[in-house]
Amino acid sequence: MTTPIIFDTDPGVDDAQAIAIALAHPDIELLGLTTTYGNVDIDTATTNALLVSELAGQQIPVAQGAAAPLVKTKHPAPAHIHGANGLGDIALPAVQGKAMSSSAAEFIVEQVNARPGEITLVAVGPLGNLAAALQLDPAITGKVKQVVVMGGSIKEGGNVTPVAEANMFNDPHAASRVLTAGWPLTLVGLDATQRCVLSPADMEKIAAGQGRLGEVLQGSYGFYSDFYREFLGIDGCCPHDSCALAWLMRPELFTTARGHLSVETDGFAEGQTIFAPEGRPFLGERWSQTPVVEVCLTAQGDKVVEWIVETLS
């Protein structure tokens, strides 16, 4: 039985790897890619989404979405991590296709309403498109099968501030809206994704199995892994966005907990995700006023990476 998904993304080196998985996995039905700013500006994100699917020999609808945060001032894209073109500044072939005329939010609402109870939204960038979809049609909270968000951190700390993960920090107001909307949601954050390291040897296997797309994935990986080596002392990279798909298809590789999430929207802790375990009393009731969701606390990193390599090679 296939799992129909819409993949909301800001490609991005690890996004491109994850899109490749969504395109390759026999049990994933990729209905479309919706793009957002984040790792790159919105036009670059859309170009890269089109490119990855074209290199894989597939025609997947791409709908362009959020170009900036809902409220806060947009920060520059992290070119030192993903490259100015989002794919490690390697030379890229020209893109043939174009984005749809409808926006990302319109595409999400239309697809979810066409197949109520069936579609999973997998979001691996800032959450403006999902927030906009909720604004267009609040009833989709009862019509999606589930929402899987790569972002946030429960105990791990942040990666762009001491407490905030990049996707949450980029648009904390959108994140707050999405994580507390009351739909079935799982957060796959740094506690899980930073247990997983894709090594150069793993990337060799992926490149060999992915043809023209494999060349781009491997070339961009080189730039991305240089950042990990220099700043984190890791030989390889954390395939953050692929972990969201790993959780969706292989949830037994993750340890999760249920509870209440909130997102700090300003001040020193801007973008921090705060988790209160279900049923645990704290001083005051404000910590348990948001809907109950599921969060990943850790992952079997070697087995997640094994699944990624197996899927792509």
C-alpha atoms as a PDB file:
ATOM      1  CA  MET A   1       0.000   0.000   0.000  1.00  0.00           C
ATOM      2  CA  THR A   2       1.499   3.344  -1.034  1.00  0.00           C
ATOM      3  CA  THR A   3       1.696   6.430   1.161  1.00  0.00           C
ATOM      4  CA  PRO A   4       0.609   9.600  -0.688  1.00  0.00           C
ATOM      5  CA  ILE A   5       2.600  12.657   0.402  1.00  0.00           C
ATOM      6  CA  ILE A   6       3.118  16.327  -0.387  1.00  0.00           C
ATOM      7  CA  PHE A   7       6.729  17.295   0.321  1.00  0.00           C
ATOM      8  CA  ASP A   8       7.225  20.885   1.496  1.00  0.00           C
ATOM      9  CA  THR A   9      10.843  21.852   1.010  1.00  0.00           C
ATOM     10  CA  ASP A  10      13.594  24.500   0.688  1.00  0.00           C
ATOM     11  CA  PRO A  11      16.232  22.598  -1.350  1.00  0.00           C
ATOM     12  CA  GLY A  12      19.022  22.618   0.095  1.00  0.00           C
ATOM     13  CA  VAL A  13      21.514  19.725  -0.017  1.00  0.00           C
ATOM     14  CA  ASP A  14      19.751  17.492   2.522  1.00  0.00           C
ATOM     15  CA  ASP A  15      16.385  18.423   0.952  1.00  0.00           C
ATOM     16  CA  ALA A  16      17.614  17.192  -2.435  1.00  0.00           C
ATOM     17  CA  GLN A  17      18.621  13.875  -0.853  1.00  0.00           C
ATOM     18  CA  ALA A  18      15.162  13.593   0.718  1.00  0.00           C
ATOM     19  CA  ILE A  19      13.359  14.460  -2.537  1.00  0.00           C
ATOM     20  CA  ALA A  20      15.391  11.702  -4.205  1.00  0.00           C
ATOM     21  CA  ILE A  21      14.078   9.249  -1.586  1.00  0.00           C
ATOM     22  CA  ALA A  22      10.474  10.381  -2.128  1.00  0.00           C
ATOM     23  CA  LEU A  23      10.933   9.873  -5.873  1.00  0.00           C
ATOM     24  CA  ALA A  24      12.654   6.486  -5.556  1.00  0.00           C
ATOM     25  CA  HIS A  25      10.787   4.703  -2.759  1.00  0.00           C
ATOM     26  CA  PRO A  26       8.264   2.203  -4.181  1.00  0.00           C
ATOM     27  CA  ASP A  27       5.805   2.764  -1.321  1.00  0.00           C
ATOM     28  CA  ILE A  28       5.763   6.587  -1.500  1.00  0.00           C
ATOM     29  CA  GLU A  29       3.370   8.338  -3.904  1.00  0.00           C
ATOM     30  CA  LEU A  30       4.801  11.843  -4.325  1.00  0.00           C
ATOM     31  CA  LEU A  31       1.833  14.029  -5.250  1.00  0.00           C
ATOM     32  CA  GLY A  32       3.830  17.234  -5.481  1.00  0.00           C
ATOM     33  CA  LEU A  33       6.616  19.415  -4.139  1.00  0.00           C
ATOM     34  CA  THR A  34       5.784  22.740  -2.489  1.00  0.00           C
ATOM     35  CA  THR A  35       8.654  25.176  -2.099  1.00  0.00           C
ATOM     36  CA  THR A  36       9.622  27.729   0.513  1.00  0.00           C
ATOM     37  CA  TYR A  37      12.543  30.060   1.185  1.00  0.00           C
ATOM     38  CA  GLY A  38      14.948  28.870   3.907  1.00  0.00           C
ATOM     39  CA  ASN A  39      18.187  27.233   2.849  1.00  0.00           C
ATOM     40  CA  VAL A  40      17.910  29.382  -0.309  1.00  0.00           C
ATOM     41  CA  ASP A  41      15.624  32.122  -1.669  1.00  0.00           C
ATOM     42  CA  ILE A  42      12.231  31.040  -3.019  1.00  0.00           C
ATOM     43  CA  ASP A  43      13.109  31.125  -6.740  1.00  0.00           C
ATOM     44  CA  THR A  44      16.218  29.001  -6.187  1.00  0.00           C
ATOM     45  CA  ALA A  45      14.199  26.559  -4.061  1.00  0.00           C
ATOM     46  CA  THR A  46      11.673  26.134  -6.872  1.00  0.00           C
ATOM     47  CA  THR A  47      14.382  25.723  -9.530  1.00  0.00           C
ATOM     48  CA  ASN A  48      16.111  23.056  -7.423  1.00  0.00           C
ATOM     49  CA  ALA A  49      12.863  21.161  -6.774  1.00  0.00           C
ATOM     50  CA  LEU A  50      12.166  21.069 -10.521  1.00  0.00           C
ATOM     51  CA  LEU A  51      15.754  20.056 -11.258  1.00  0.00           C
ATOM     52  CA  VAL A  52      15.884  17.125  -8.825  1.00  0.00           C
ATOM     53  CA  SER A  53      12.688  15.580 -10.220  1.00  0.00           C
ATOM     54  CA  GLU A  54      13.840  16.134 -13.822  1.00  0.00           C
ATOM     55  CA  LEU A  55      17.217  14.502 -13.143  1.00  0.00           C
ATOM     56  CA  ALA A  56      15.313  11.529 -11.693  1.00  0.00           C
ATOM     57  CA  GLY A  57      13.336  11.339 -14.954  1.00  0.00           C
ATOM     58  CA  GLN A  58      10.019  12.208 -13.320  1.00  0.00           C
ATOM     59  CA  GLN A  59       7.499  15.002 -13.833  1.00  0.00           C
ATOM     60  CA  ILE A  60       6.242  16.014 -10.406  1.00  0.00           C
ATOM     61  CA  PRO A  61       4.033  19.081  -9.862  1.00  0.00           C
ATOM     62  CA  VAL A  62       5.957  21.894  -8.148  1.00  0.00           C
ATOM     63  CA  ALA A  63       4.038  24.743  -6.464  1.00  0.00           C
ATOM     64  CA  GLN A  64       5.941  27.808  -5.265  1.00  0.00           C
ATOM     65  CA  GLY A  65       5.139  29.195  -1.836  1.00  0.00           C
ATOM     66  CA  ALA A  66       6.443  31.377   0.984  1.00  0.00           C
ATOM     67  CA  ALA A  67       9.176  33.876   0.061  1.00  0.00           C
ATOM     68  CA  ALA A  68       9.601  35.318   3.570  1.00  0.00           C
ATOM     69  CA  PRO A  69       8.515  34.811   7.204  1.00  0.00           C
ATOM     70  CA  LEU A  70       4.997  35.713   8.363  1.00  0.00           C
ATOM     71  CA  VAL A  71       6.114  38.422  10.810  1.00  0.00           C
ATOM     72  CA  LYS A  72       9.844  38.672  11.461  1.00  0.00           C
ATOM     73  CA  THR A  73      12.537  40.073   9.172  1.00  0.00           C
ATOM     74  CA  LYS A  74      14.015  37.484   6.799  1.00  0.00           C
ATOM     75  CA  HIS A  75      17.595  36.442   7.501  1.00  0.00           C
ATOM     76  CA  PRO A  76      19.998  35.859   4.581  1.00  0.00           C
ATOM     77  CA  ALA A  77      20.129  32.273   3.289  1.00  0.00           C
ATOM     78  CA  PRO A  78      23.025  30.196   4.735  1.00  0.00           C
ATOM     79  CA  ALA A  79      25.232  30.075   1.614  1.00  0.00           C
ATOM     80  CA  HIS A  80      28.174  28.838   3.728  1.00  0.00           C
ATOM     81  CA  ILE A  81      26.245  25.623   4.443  1.00  0.00           C
ATOM     82  CA  HIS A  82      24.378  24.837   1.201  1.00  0.00           C
ATOM     83  CA  GLY A  83      26.110  27.106  -1.316  1.00  0.00           C
ATOM     84  CA  ALA A  84      24.572  30.142  -3.010  1.00  0.00           C
ATOM     85  CA  ASN A  85      22.701  27.868  -5.441  1.00  0.00           C
ATOM     86  CA  GLY A  86      21.589  25.514  -2.630  1.00  0.00           C
ATOM     87  CA  LEU A  87      23.434  22.550  -4.128  1.00  0.00           C
ATOM     88  CA  GLY A  88      27.007  23.166  -3.075  1.00  0.00           C
ATOM     89  CA  ASP A  89      27.723  25.708  -5.853  1.00  0.00           C
ATOM     90  CA  ILE A  90      28.390  22.907  -8.339  1.00  0.00           C
ATOM     91  CA  ALA A  91      27.525  23.527 -12.016  1.00  0.00           C
ATOM     92  CA  LEU A  92      23.897  22.554 -12.610  1.00  0.00           C
ATOM     93  CA  PRO A  93      22.030  21.742 -15.845  1.00  0.00           C
ATOM     94  CA  ALA A  94      19.239  24.042 -17.001  1.00  0.00           C
ATOM     95  CA  VAL A  95      15.716  23.320 -15.787  1.00  0.00           C
ATOM     96  CA  GLN A  96      13.094  22.509 -18.438  1.00  0.00           C
ATOM     97  CA  GLY A  97       9.854  22.669 -16.453  1.00  0.00           C
ATOM     98  CA  LYS A  98       7.991  25.448 -14.658  1.00  0.00           C
ATOM     99  CA  ALA A  99       6.151  25.775 -11.379  1.00  0.00           C
ATOM    100  CA  MET A 100       2.363  25.528 -11.335  1.00  0.00           C
ATOM    101  CA  SER A 101       0.259  28.679 -11.475  1.00  0.00           C
ATOM    102  CA  SER A 102      -1.362  27.863  -8.128  1.00  0.00           C
ATOM    103  CA  SER A 103       0.506  28.645  -4.907  1.00  0.00           C
ATOM    104  CA  ALA A 104       1.880  26.048  -2.514  1.00  0.00           C
ATOM    105  CA  ALA A 105      -0.935  26.694  -0.019  1.00  0.00           C
ATOM    106  CA  GLU A 106      -3.603  26.386  -2.737  1.00  0.00           C
ATOM    107  CA  PHE A 107      -2.059  23.127  -3.951  1.00  0.00           C
ATOM    108  CA  ILE A 108      -2.002  21.672  -0.421  1.00  0.00           C
ATOM    109  CA  VAL A 109      -5.646  22.617   0.239  1.00  0.00           C
ATOM    110  CA  GLU A 110      -6.832  21.318  -3.144  1.00  0.00           C
ATOM    111  CA  GLN A 111      -5.044  17.964  -2.817  1.00  0.00           C
ATOM    112  CA  VAL A 112      -6.088  17.354   0.803  1.00  0.00           C
ATOM    113  CA  ASN A 113      -9.732  18.106  -0.012  1.00  0.00           C
ATOM    114  CA  ALA A 114      -9.603  15.816  -3.055  1.00  0.00           C
ATOM    115  CA  ARG A 115      -8.361  12.883  -0.956  1.00  0.00           C
ATOM    116  CA  PRO A 116      -9.594  13.371   2.623  1.00  0.00           C
ATOM    117  CA  GLY A 117      -7.956  11.108   5.210  1.00  0.00           C
ATOM    118  CA  GLU A 118      -5.260   9.920   2.801  1.00  0.00           C
ATOM    119  CA  ILE A 119      -2.484  12.518   2.433  1.00  0.00           C
ATOM    120  CA  THR A 120       0.538  13.055   4.664  1.00  0.00           C
ATOM    121  CA  LEU A 121       2.192  16.483   4.619  1.00  0.00           C
ATOM    122  CA  VAL A 122       5.954  16.199   5.102  1.00  0.00           C
ATOM    123  CA  ALA A 123       7.478  19.622   5.808  1.00  0.00           C
ATOM    124  CA  VAL A 124      11.260  20.035   6.000  1.00  0.00           C
ATOM    125  CA  GLY A 125      11.700  23.822   5.777  1.00  0.00           C
ATOM    126  CA  PRO A 126      10.216  26.902   7.455  1.00  0.00           C
ATOM    127  CA  LEU A 127       6.476  26.315   7.878  1.00  0.00           C
ATOM    128  CA  GLY A 128       4.913  29.280   6.057  1.00  0.00           C
ATOM    129  CA  ASN A 129       3.189  27.152   3.405  1.00  0.00           C
ATOM    130  CA  LEU A 130       1.414  24.970   5.954  1.00  0.00           C
ATOM    131  CA  ALA A 131       0.433  28.064   7.949  1.00  0.00           C
ATOM    132  CA  ALA A 132      -0.970  29.650   4.761  1.00  0.00           C
ATOM    133  CA  ALA A 133      -2.881  26.461   3.931  1.00  0.00           C
ATOM    134  CA  LEU A 134      -4.449  26.539   7.417  1.00  0.00           C
ATOM    135  CA  GLN A 135      -5.439  30.165   6.818  1.00  0.00           C
ATOM    136  CA  LEU A 136      -7.047  29.273   3.457  1.00  0.00           C
ATOM    137  CA  ASP A 137      -8.961  26.285   4.826  1.00  0.00           C
ATOM    138  CA  PRO A 138      -8.844  25.611   8.591  1.00  0.00           C
ATOM    139  CA  ALA A 139     -10.877  22.405   8.019  1.00  0.00           C
ATOM    140  CA  ILE A 140      -7.842  20.605   6.533  1.00  0.00           C
ATOM    141  CA  THR A 141      -6.735  19.793  10.102  1.00  0.00           C
ATOM    142  CA  GLY A 142      -9.419  17.101  10.084  1.00  0.00           C
ATOM    143  CA  LYS A 143      -8.706  15.927   6.529  1.00  0.00           C
ATOM    144  CA  VAL A 144      -4.965  15.220   6.434  1.00  0.00           C
ATOM    145  CA  LYS A 145      -3.855  11.746   7.425  1.00  0.00           C
ATOM    146  CA  GLN A 146      -0.860  13.176   9.299  1.00  0.00           C
ATOM    147  CA  VAL A 147       1.768  15.921   9.318  1.00  0.00           C
ATOM    148  CA  VAL A 148       5.483  15.167   9.706  1.00  0.00           C
ATOM    149  CA  VAL A 149       7.728  18.158  10.431  1.00  0.00           C
ATOM    150  CA  MET A 150      11.527  18.104  10.347  1.00  0.00           C
ATOM    151  CA  GLY A 151      12.487  20.807  12.785  1.00  0.00           C
ATOM    152  CA  GLY A 152      12.870  21.841  16.357  1.00  0.00           C
ATOM    153  CA  SER A 153      14.691  20.263  19.242  1.00  0.00           C
ATOM    154  CA  ILE A 154      13.469  18.742  22.493  1.00  0.00           C
ATOM    155  CA  LYS A 155      16.689  18.319  24.509  1.00  0.00           C
ATOM    156  CA  GLU A 156      19.439  18.635  21.920  1.00  0.00           C
ATOM    157  CA  GLY A 157      19.714  22.434  21.843  1.00  0.00           C
ATOM    158  CA  GLY A 158      19.686  24.470  18.655  1.00  0.00           C
ATOM    159  CA  ASN A 159      21.796  24.661  15.516  1.00  0.00           C
ATOM    160  CA  VAL A 160      21.367  28.346  14.600  1.00  0.00           C
ATOM    161  CA  THR A 161      21.057  29.714  18.142  1.00  0.00           C
ATOM    162  CA  PRO A 162      21.855  27.921  21.408  1.00  0.00           C
ATOM    163  CA  VAL A 163      18.191  26.891  21.656  1.00  0.00           C
ATOM    164  CA  ALA A 164      16.625  27.109  18.162  1.00  0.00           C
ATOM    165  CA  GLU A 165      16.732  24.830  15.122  1.00  0.00           C
ATOM    166  CA  ALA A 166      16.887  26.583  11.726  1.00  0.00           C
ATOM    167  CA  ASN A 167      13.381  25.844  10.373  1.00  0.00           C
ATOM    168  CA  MET A 168      11.711  26.981  13.598  1.00  0.00           C
ATOM    169  CA  PHE A 169      13.946  30.053  13.897  1.00  0.00           C
ATOM    170  CA  ASN A 170      13.331  31.150  10.298  1.00  0.00           C
ATOM    171  CA  ASP A 171       9.590  31.521  10.876  1.00  0.00           C
ATOM    172  CA  PRO A 172       8.616  30.962  14.520  1.00  0.00           C
ATOM    173  CA  HIS A 173       5.137  32.478  14.041  1.00  0.00           C
ATOM    174  CA  ALA A 174       4.319  30.010  11.246  1.00  0.00           C
ATOM    175  CA  ALA A 175       5.828  27.172  13.317  1.00  0.00           C
ATOM    176  CA  SER A 176       3.680  28.082  16.309  1.00  0.00           C
ATOM    177  CA  ARG A 177       0.544  28.026  14.144  1.00  0.00           C
ATOM    178  CA  VAL A 178       1.393  24.692  12.502  1.00  0.00           C
ATOM    179  CA  LEU A 179       2.601  22.798  15.578  1.00  0.00           C
ATOM    180  CA  THR A 180      -0.488  23.764  17.597  1.00  0.00           C
ATOM    181  CA  ALA A 181      -3.154  23.410  14.873  1.00  0.00           C
ATOM    182  CA  GLY A 182      -4.632  20.230  16.326  1.00  0.00           C
ATOM    183  CA  TRP A 183      -3.893  17.882  13.426  1.00  0.00           C
ATOM    184  CA  PRO A 184      -2.073  14.519  13.871  1.00  0.00           C
ATOM    185  CA  LEU A 185       1.539  15.712  13.957  1.00  0.00           C
ATOM    186  CA  THR A 186       4.996  14.243  14.564  1.00  0.00           C
ATOM    187  CA  LEU A 187       8.065  16.423  15.064  1.00  0.00           C
ATOM    188  CA  VAL A 188      11.332  14.878  13.836  1.00  0.00           C
ATOM    189  CA  GLY A 189      13.899  17.228  15.340  1.00  0.00           C
ATOM    190  CA  LEU A 190      17.607  17.452  16.024  1.00  0.00           C
ATOM    191  CA  ASP A 191      17.360  14.886  18.862  1.00  0.00           C
ATOM    192  CA  ALA A 192      16.809  12.260  16.139  1.00  0.00           C
ATOM    193  CA  THR A 193      18.469  13.722  13.042  1.00  0.00           C
ATOM    194  CA  GLN A 194      21.815  14.417  14.722  1.00  0.00           C
ATOM    195  CA  ARG A 195      22.102  10.727  15.634  1.00  0.00           C
ATOM    196  CA  CYS A 196      22.387   9.983  11.900  1.00  0.00           C
ATOM    197  CA  VAL A 197      25.554  10.551   9.829  1.00  0.00           C
ATOM    198  CA  LEU A 198      25.775   9.900   6.092  1.00  0.00           C
ATOM    199  CA  SER A 199      29.423   9.026   5.417  1.00  0.00           C
ATOM    200  CA  PRO A 200      31.424   9.531   2.191  1.00  0.00           C
ATOM    201  CA  ALA A 201      31.216   5.753   1.583  1.00  0.00           C
ATOM    202  CA  ASP A 202      27.408   5.908   1.925  1.00  0.00           C
ATOM    203  CA  MET A 203      27.349   8.754  -0.601  1.00  0.00           C
ATOM    204  CA  GLU A 204      29.416   6.707  -3.074  1.00  0.00           C
ATOM    205  CA  LYS A 205      26.740   3.993  -3.030  1.00  0.00           C
ATOM    206  CA  ILE A 206      23.958   6.565  -3.494  1.00  0.00           C
ATOM    207  CA  ALA A 207      25.787   8.253  -6.393  1.00  0.00           C
ATOM    208  CA  ALA A 208      26.269   4.896  -8.110  1.00  0.00           C
ATOM    209  CA  GLY A 209      22.544   4.125  -7.835  1.00  0.00           C
ATOM    210  CA  GLN A 210      21.101   7.475  -8.895  1.00  0.00           C
ATOM    211  CA  GLY A 211      22.581   8.227 -12.327  1.00  0.00           C
ATOM    212  CA  ARG A 212      22.555  11.925 -13.300  1.00  0.00           C
ATOM    213  CA  LEU A 213      20.804  12.839 -10.055  1.00  0.00           C
ATOM    214  CA  GLY A 214      23.471  10.900  -8.147  1.00  0.00           C
ATOM    215  CA  GLU A 215      26.196  13.142  -9.603  1.00  0.00           C
ATOM    216  CA  VAL A 216      24.408  16.247  -8.272  1.00  0.00           C
ATOM    217  CA  LEU A 217      23.725  14.647  -4.890  1.00  0.00           C
ATOM    218  CA  GLN A 218      27.376  13.640  -4.531  1.00  0.00           C
ATOM    219  CA  GLY A 219      28.747  16.977  -5.752  1.00  0.00           C
ATOM    220  CA  SER A 220      26.578  18.978  -3.369  1.00  0.00           C
ATOM    221  CA  TYR A 221      27.342  16.548  -0.531  1.00  0.00           C
ATOM    222  CA  GLY A 222      31.031  17.473  -0.791  1.00  0.00           C
ATOM    223  CA  PHE A 223      30.326  21.132   0.001  1.00  0.00           C
ATOM    224  CA  TYR A 224      27.818  20.300   2.754  1.00  0.00           C
ATOM    225  CA  SER A 225      30.084  17.763   4.456  1.00  0.00           C
ATOM    226  CA  ASP A 226      32.970  20.288   4.439  1.00  0.00           C
ATOM    227  CA  PHE A 227      30.770  22.478   6.664  1.00  0.00           C
ATOM    228  CA  TYR A 228      30.086  19.543   9.016  1.00  0.00           C
ATOM    229  CA  ARG A 229      33.771  18.671   9.204  1.00  0.00           C
ATOM    230  CA  GLU A 230      34.889  22.235   9.909  1.00  0.00           C
ATOM    231  CA  PHE A 231      32.208  23.314  12.374  1.00  0.00           C
ATOM    232  CA  LEU A 232      31.071  20.067  14.014  1.00  0.00           C
ATOM    233  CA  GLY A 233      34.020  17.708  13.536  1.00  0.00           C
ATOM    234  CA  ILE A 234      31.822  15.127  11.764  1.00  0.00           C
ATOM    235  CA  ASP A 235      33.083  13.045   8.818  1.00  0.00           C
ATOM    236  CA  GLY A 236      29.938  13.198   6.701  1.00  0.00           C
ATOM    237  CA  CYS A 237      26.649  15.036   7.145  1.00  0.00           C
ATOM    238  CA  CYS A 238      23.401  14.691   9.059  1.00  0.00           C
ATOM    239  CA  PRO A 239      20.652  13.876   6.520  1.00  0.00           C
ATOM    240  CA  HIS A 240      18.101  15.906   8.501  1.00  0.00           C
ATOM    241  CA  ASP A 241      15.284  16.032   5.953  1.00  0.00           C
ATOM    242  CA  SER A 242      15.583  12.385   4.903  1.00  0.00           C
ATOM    243  CA  CYS A 243      14.962  11.474   8.562  1.00  0.00           C
ATOM    244  CA  ALA A 244      11.398  12.805   8.273  1.00  0.00           C
ATOM    245  CA  LEU A 245      10.736  10.266   5.513  1.00  0.00           C
ATOM    246  CA  ALA A 246      12.561   7.567   7.480  1.00  0.00           C
ATOM    247  CA  TRP A 247      10.210   8.172  10.413  1.00  0.00           C
ATOM    248  CA  LEU A 248       7.197   8.031   8.081  1.00  0.00           C
ATOM    249  CA  MET A 249       8.192   4.706   6.511  1.00  0.00           C
ATOM    250  CA  ARG A 250      10.178   3.103   9.375  1.00  0.00           C
ATOM    251  CA  PRO A 251       8.840   4.557  12.656  1.00  0.00           C
ATOM    252  CA  GLU A 252      10.216   1.622  14.661  1.00  0.00           C
ATOM    253  CA  LEU A 253      13.715   3.112  14.175  1.00  0.00           C
ATOM    254  CA  PHE A 254      12.763   6.089  16.373  1.00  0.00           C
ATOM    255  CA  THR A 255      11.857   6.589  20.031  1.00  0.00           C
ATOM    256  CA  THR A 256       8.973   9.017  20.494  1.00  0.00           C
ATOM    257  CA  ALA A 257       6.934  10.646  23.245  1.00  0.00           C
ATOM    258  CA  ARG A 258       3.577  12.397  23.331  1.00  0.00           C
ATOM    259  CA  GLY A 259       2.982  15.806  24.828  1.00  0.00           C
ATOM    260  CA  HIS A 260       2.384  19.496  24.292  1.00  0.00           C
ATOM    261  CA  LEU A 261       4.550  21.684  22.044  1.00  0.00           C
ATOM    262  CA  SER A 262       4.879  25.435  21.962  1.00  0.00           C
ATOM    263  CA  VAL A 263       7.226  27.707  20.009  1.00  0.00           C
ATOM    264  CA  GLU A 264       8.805  30.873  21.386  1.00  0.00           C
ATOM    265  CA  THR A 265       8.185  33.647  18.827  1.00  0.00           C
ATOM    266  CA  ASP A 266      10.523  36.417  19.994  1.00  0.00           C
ATOM    267  CA  GLY A 267      13.253  37.405  22.414  1.00  0.00           C
ATOM    268  CA  PHE A 268      16.425  35.475  23.183  1.00  0.00           C
ATOM    269  CA  ALA A 269      14.640  32.121  22.877  1.00  0.00           C
ATOM    270  CA  GLU A 270      13.029  32.945  19.494  1.00  0.00           C
ATOM    271  CA  GLY A 271      12.365  29.719  17.577  1.00  0.00           C
ATOM    272  CA  GLN A 272      12.834  27.410  20.571  1.00  0.00           C
ATOM    273  CA  THR A 273      10.435  24.454  20.724  1.00  0.00           C
ATOM    274  CA  ILE A 274       9.251  23.737  24.264  1.00  0.00           C
ATOM    275  CA  PHE A 275       7.891  20.260  25.014  1.00  0.00           C
ATOM    276  CA  ALA A 276       5.798  19.279  28.040  1.00  0.00           C
ATOM    277  CA  PRO A 277       5.301  15.480  28.275  1.00  0.00           C
ATOM    278  CA  GLU A 278       1.658  14.406  28.370  1.00  0.00           C
ATOM    279  CA  GLY A 279       0.283  13.919  31.878  1.00  0.00           C
ATOM    280  CA  ARG A 280       3.240  15.453  33.675  1.00  0.00           C
ATOM    281  CA  PRO A 281       2.252  18.321  36.014  1.00  0.00           C
ATOM    282  CA  PHE A 282       4.244  21.564  35.877  1.00  0.00           C
ATOM    283  CA  LEU A 283       3.822  24.830  37.759  1.00  0.00           C
ATOM    284  CA  GLY A 284       0.829  26.516  36.085  1.00  0.00           C
ATOM    285  CA  GLU A 285      -1.291  25.179  33.245  1.00  0.00           C
ATOM    286  CA  ARG A 286       0.124  27.118  30.300  1.00  0.00           C
ATOM    287  CA  TRP A 287       2.504  24.312  29.303  1.00  0.00           C
ATOM    288  CA  SER A 288      -0.327  21.858  28.633  1.00  0.00           C
ATOM    289  CA  GLN A 289      -2.790  24.084  26.768  1.00  0.00           C
ATOM    290  CA  THR A 290      -1.689  23.135  23.248  1.00  0.00           C
ATOM    291  CA  PRO A 291      -2.915  19.966  21.487  1.00  0.00           C
ATOM    292  CA  VAL A 292      -1.065  16.711  22.114  1.00  0.00           C
ATOM    293  CA  VAL A 293       1.467  15.782  19.417  1.00  0.00           C
ATOM    294  CA  GLU A 294       4.269  13.233  19.008  1.00  0.00           C
ATOM    295  CA  VAL A 295       7.970  14.123  19.112  1.00  0.00           C
ATOM    296  CA  CYS A 296      11.054  12.070  18.296  1.00  0.00           C
ATOM    297  CA  LEU A 297      13.510  11.786  21.189  1.00  0.00           C
ATOM    298  CA  THR A 298      16.193   9.732  19.441  1.00  0.00           C
ATOM    299  CA  ALA A 299      16.850   7.471  16.456  1.00  0.00           C
ATOM    300  CA  GLN A 300      18.830   4.348  15.637  1.00  0.00           C
ATOM    301  CA  GLY A 301      21.191   6.381  13.477  1.00  0.00           C
ATOM    302  CA  ASP A 302      23.018   3.544  11.751  1.00  0.00           C
ATOM    303  CA  LYS A 303      19.763   1.833  10.770  1.00  0.00           C
ATOM    304  CA  VAL A 304      18.206   5.083   9.494  1.00  0.00           C
ATOM    305  CA  VAL A 305      21.279   5.695   7.305  1.00  0.00           C
ATOM    306  CA  GLU A 306      21.152   2.076   6.129  1.00  0.00           C
ATOM    307  CA  TRP A 307      17.526   2.642   5.042  1.00  0.00           C
ATOM    308  CA  ILE A 308      18.438   5.862   3.199  1.00  0.00           C
ATOM    309  CA  VAL A 309      21.324   4.186   1.331  1.00  0.00           C
ATOM    310  CA  GLU A 310      19.228   1.108   0.529  1.00  0.00           C
ATOM    311  CA  THR A 311      16.424   3.272  -0.880  1.00  0.00           C
ATOM    312  CA  LEU A 312      18.765   5.315  -3.079  1.00  0.00           C
ATOM    313  CA  SER A 313      21.221   2.666  -4.240  1.00  0.00           C
END
